[in-house]
Structures are given as C-alpha cells and as structure tokens.
Amino acid sequence: GKDDDGAHPPIHPKSFDASLAGDEKRVFDLVARHFLACCSKDAVGYQTTVKVQIAFEFFTATGLMVTARNWLEVYPFERWQGRNIPIYQEGQQFEPTSLTLDEGKTEAP
C-alpha cells in the first residue's frame, strides 16, 4: 500500500556463498528452507480418531495420514508424524484383524 509501517522486509536468502561454514551455513540453510516453505503449497493431512467398544471396554486410537507433504519436503525441522491408520467415516463399522490382551504395568516416561 501507500503507507509505510516502518517494518523491515522479511528475512530471505539472496545468494548462496560457498565459503559459509559451521553456524553461518546452518543459519543460511534454516533461512533458505523457511523461505521456500513459505512459498510452497500447504501440507495436507487427515487426523482420524477411532473409538471402539468391545464388551464393556472402550478403546481409542488416533492416527495421522499425510496425503500431500508439500512444504514439509523442504523444511525438515517440522514433522507431521503419528500412527498411520486409515481414514474412517463417522459411524462406519469395521472388523479388527486381531485382538490381543497384553499384561504389563505402567512405567514413567
């Protein structure tokens, strides 16, 4: 616009200097990857939470399915990860492939 708010322009890479090393090279890499990620398409993913009742017991599983990594490809400092489970529709029924009962005790993280 016609008004200047006095803010500096965003930090962005101008050109690569092959003589960069150590922390300078890592900072340049971070800035360049952040800039490219900002110019990239959004990542797309679906989080699914499945709630199941078997007899009188309730179980919950949550998973994430990333369908388009896009900016995540150029910016490895951010990760979308989780248990990969299929996408279910609300009310959809499924039959488990296996049921196991494991004995154990809780442990501190």
C-alpha atoms as a PDB file:
ATOM      1  CA  GLY A   1       0.000   0.000   0.000  1.00  0.00           C
ATOM      2  CA  LYS A   2       0.902   3.655   0.076  1.00  0.00           C
ATOM      3  CA  ASP A   3       1.596   3.738   3.830  1.00  0.00           C
ATOM      4  CA  ASP A   4       4.923   2.520   5.229  1.00  0.00           C
ATOM      5  CA  ASP A   5       4.629   0.885   8.639  1.00  0.00           C
ATOM      6  CA  GLY A   6       8.402   1.061   9.134  1.00  0.00           C
ATOM      7  CA  ALA A   7       8.814  -2.690   9.477  1.00  0.00           C
ATOM      8  CA  HIS A   8      11.758  -4.279   7.741  1.00  0.00           C
ATOM      9  CA  PRO A   9      11.091  -6.700   4.890  1.00  0.00           C
ATOM     10  CA  PRO A  10      11.100 -10.393   5.793  1.00  0.00           C
ATOM     11  CA  ILE A  11      14.449 -12.145   6.059  1.00  0.00           C
ATOM     12  CA  HIS A  12      15.088 -14.061   2.857  1.00  0.00           C
ATOM     13  CA  PRO A  13      18.065 -15.667   1.112  1.00  0.00           C
ATOM     14  CA  LYS A  14      19.752 -13.639  -1.616  1.00  0.00           C
ATOM     15  CA  SER A  15      22.523 -15.861  -2.880  1.00  0.00           C
ATOM     16  CA  PHE A  16      24.480 -18.834  -1.649  1.00  0.00           C
ATOM     17  CA  ASP A  17      28.052 -18.265  -0.526  1.00  0.00           C
ATOM     18  CA  ALA A  18      30.073 -21.479  -0.805  1.00  0.00           C
ATOM     19  CA  SER A  19      32.529 -20.206   1.797  1.00  0.00           C
ATOM     20  CA  LEU A  20      29.915 -20.413   4.569  1.00  0.00           C
ATOM     21  CA  ALA A  21      30.709 -22.985   7.235  1.00  0.00           C
ATOM     22  CA  GLY A  22      29.557 -24.066  10.672  1.00  0.00           C
ATOM     23  CA  ASP A  23      26.840 -21.968  12.301  1.00  0.00           C
ATOM     24  CA  GLU A  24      26.719 -19.493   9.394  1.00  0.00           C
ATOM     25  CA  LYS A  25      25.953 -22.302   6.940  1.00  0.00           C
ATOM     26  CA  ARG A  26      23.293 -23.760   9.281  1.00  0.00           C
ATOM     27  CA  VAL A  27      21.616 -20.344   9.711  1.00  0.00           C
ATOM     28  CA  PHE A  28      21.605 -19.785   5.940  1.00  0.00           C
ATOM     29  CA  ASP A  29      20.116 -23.267   5.436  1.00  0.00           C
ATOM     30  CA  LEU A  30      17.386 -22.531   8.005  1.00  0.00           C
ATOM     31  CA  VAL A  31      16.520 -19.156   6.439  1.00  0.00           C
ATOM     32  CA  ALA A  32      16.522 -20.548   2.884  1.00  0.00           C
ATOM     33  CA  ARG A  33      14.374 -23.550   3.809  1.00  0.00           C
ATOM     34  CA  HIS A  34      11.952 -21.377   5.800  1.00  0.00           C
ATOM     35  CA  PHE A  35      11.605 -19.008   2.835  1.00  0.00           C
ATOM     36  CA  LEU A  36      10.984 -21.894   0.412  1.00  0.00           C
ATOM     37  CA  ALA A  37       8.472 -23.473   2.807  1.00  0.00           C
ATOM     38  CA  CYS A  38       6.565 -20.169   2.990  1.00  0.00           C
ATOM     39  CA  CYS A  39       6.348 -20.142  -0.819  1.00  0.00           C
ATOM     40  CA  SER A  40       5.258 -23.794  -1.010  1.00  0.00           C
ATOM     41  CA  LYS A  41       1.785 -25.266  -1.050  1.00  0.00           C
ATOM     42  CA  ASP A  42       0.181 -26.215   2.258  1.00  0.00           C
ATOM     43  CA  ALA A  43       0.693 -29.716   3.540  1.00  0.00           C
ATOM     44  CA  VAL A  44      -2.467 -31.817   3.656  1.00  0.00           C
ATOM     45  CA  GLY A  45      -3.224 -34.446   6.235  1.00  0.00           C
ATOM     46  CA  TYR A  46      -6.129 -36.084   7.949  1.00  0.00           C
ATOM     47  CA  GLN A  47      -6.263 -36.931  11.617  1.00  0.00           C
ATOM     48  CA  THR A  48      -8.554 -39.795  12.500  1.00  0.00           C
ATOM     49  CA  THR A  49      -9.709 -40.778  15.968  1.00  0.00           C
ATOM     50  CA  VAL A  50     -11.330 -44.181  16.270  1.00  0.00           C
ATOM     51  CA  LYS A  51     -13.341 -45.031  19.380  1.00  0.00           C
ATOM     52  CA  VAL A  52     -14.269 -48.680  19.812  1.00  0.00           C
ATOM     53  CA  GLN A  53     -16.305 -50.512  22.405  1.00  0.00           C
ATOM     54  CA  ILE A  54     -15.716 -54.229  22.865  1.00  0.00           C
ATOM     55  CA  ALA A  55     -17.958 -55.725  25.528  1.00  0.00           C
ATOM     56  CA  PHE A  56     -17.661 -53.246  28.430  1.00  0.00           C
ATOM     57  CA  GLU A  57     -14.233 -51.878  27.463  1.00  0.00           C
ATOM     58  CA  PHE A  58     -13.612 -48.704  25.461  1.00  0.00           C
ATOM     59  CA  PHE A  59     -10.535 -48.182  23.267  1.00  0.00           C
ATOM     60  CA  THR A  60      -9.298 -45.138  21.380  1.00  0.00           C
ATOM     61  CA  ALA A  61      -6.718 -44.876  18.595  1.00  0.00           C
ATOM     62  CA  THR A  62      -5.614 -41.681  16.887  1.00  0.00           C
ATOM     63  CA  GLY A  63      -3.651 -41.534  13.672  1.00  0.00           C
ATOM     64  CA  LEU A  64      -2.457 -39.105  11.046  1.00  0.00           C
ATOM     65  CA  MET A  65      -2.385 -39.702   7.322  1.00  0.00           C
ATOM     66  CA  VAL A  66      -0.371 -37.146   5.339  1.00  0.00           C
ATOM     67  CA  THR A  67      -1.630 -37.038   1.752  1.00  0.00           C
ATOM     68  CA  ALA A  68       0.493 -34.150   0.427  1.00  0.00           C
ATOM     69  CA  ARG A  69       3.782 -33.248   2.131  1.00  0.00           C
ATOM     70  CA  ASN A  70       4.433 -30.088   0.049  1.00  0.00           C
ATOM     71  CA  TRP A  71       6.248 -27.573   2.318  1.00  0.00           C
ATOM     72  CA  LEU A  72       7.252 -30.384   4.680  1.00  0.00           C
ATOM     73  CA  GLU A  73       9.564 -31.655   1.913  1.00  0.00           C
ATOM     74  CA  VAL A  74      11.766 -28.543   2.078  1.00  0.00           C
ATOM     75  CA  TYR A  75      11.500 -27.845   5.819  1.00  0.00           C
ATOM     76  CA  PRO A  76      12.646 -30.946   7.738  1.00  0.00           C
ATOM     77  CA  PHE A  77      12.589 -29.121  11.084  1.00  0.00           C
ATOM     78  CA  GLU A  78       8.814 -29.604  11.297  1.00  0.00           C
ATOM     79  CA  ARG A  79       7.433 -33.105  11.282  1.00  0.00           C
ATOM     80  CA  TRP A  80       3.936 -34.394  10.899  1.00  0.00           C
ATOM     81  CA  GLN A  81       4.038 -37.843  12.240  1.00  0.00           C
ATOM     82  CA  GLY A  82       1.844 -40.243  14.044  1.00  0.00           C
ATOM     83  CA  ARG A  83       0.402 -43.672  13.796  1.00  0.00           C
ATOM     84  CA  ASN A  84      -0.749 -44.269  10.248  1.00  0.00           C
ATOM     85  CA  ILE A  85      -4.340 -45.537  10.312  1.00  0.00           C
ATOM     86  CA  PRO A  86      -6.967 -45.491   7.561  1.00  0.00           C
ATOM     87  CA  ILE A  87      -9.497 -42.700   7.289  1.00  0.00           C
ATOM     88  CA  TYR A  88     -12.883 -43.763   8.642  1.00  0.00           C
ATOM     89  CA  GLN A  89     -16.227 -42.053   8.320  1.00  0.00           C
ATOM     90  CA  GLU A  90     -18.305 -41.383  11.442  1.00  0.00           C
ATOM     91  CA  GLY A  91     -20.492 -44.371  12.200  1.00  0.00           C
ATOM     92  CA  GLN A  92     -18.504 -46.644   9.875  1.00  0.00           C
ATOM     93  CA  GLN A  93     -18.099 -50.178  11.218  1.00  0.00           C
ATOM     94  CA  PHE A  94     -15.013 -52.310  10.810  1.00  0.00           C
ATOM     95  CA  GLU A  95     -13.844 -55.715  11.897  1.00  0.00           C
ATOM     96  CA  PRO A  96     -10.489 -55.839  13.713  1.00  0.00           C
ATOM     97  CA  THR A  97      -7.832 -58.030  12.137  1.00  0.00           C
ATOM     98  CA  SER A  98      -6.577 -59.157  15.551  1.00  0.00           C
ATOM     99  CA  LEU A  99      -7.308 -58.766  19.238  1.00  0.00           C
ATOM    100  CA  THR A 100      -4.664 -59.329  21.902  1.00  0.00           C
ATOM    101  CA  LEU A 101      -4.573 -58.925  25.660  1.00  0.00           C
ATOM    102  CA  ASP A 102      -1.121 -57.975  26.928  1.00  0.00           C
ATOM    103  CA  GLU A 103      -0.225 -57.997  30.595  1.00  0.00           C
ATOM    104  CA  GLY A 104       2.061 -55.245  31.850  1.00  0.00           C
ATOM    105  CA  LYS A 105       2.408 -52.266  34.113  1.00  0.00           C
ATOM    106  CA  THR A 106       2.795 -48.566  33.512  1.00  0.00           C
ATOM    107  CA  GLU A 107       6.236 -47.036  33.524  1.00  0.00           C
ATOM    108  CA  ALA A 108       7.425 -43.477  33.947  1.00  0.00           C
ATOM    109  CA  PRO A 109       8.341 -41.703  30.702  1.00  0.00           C
END
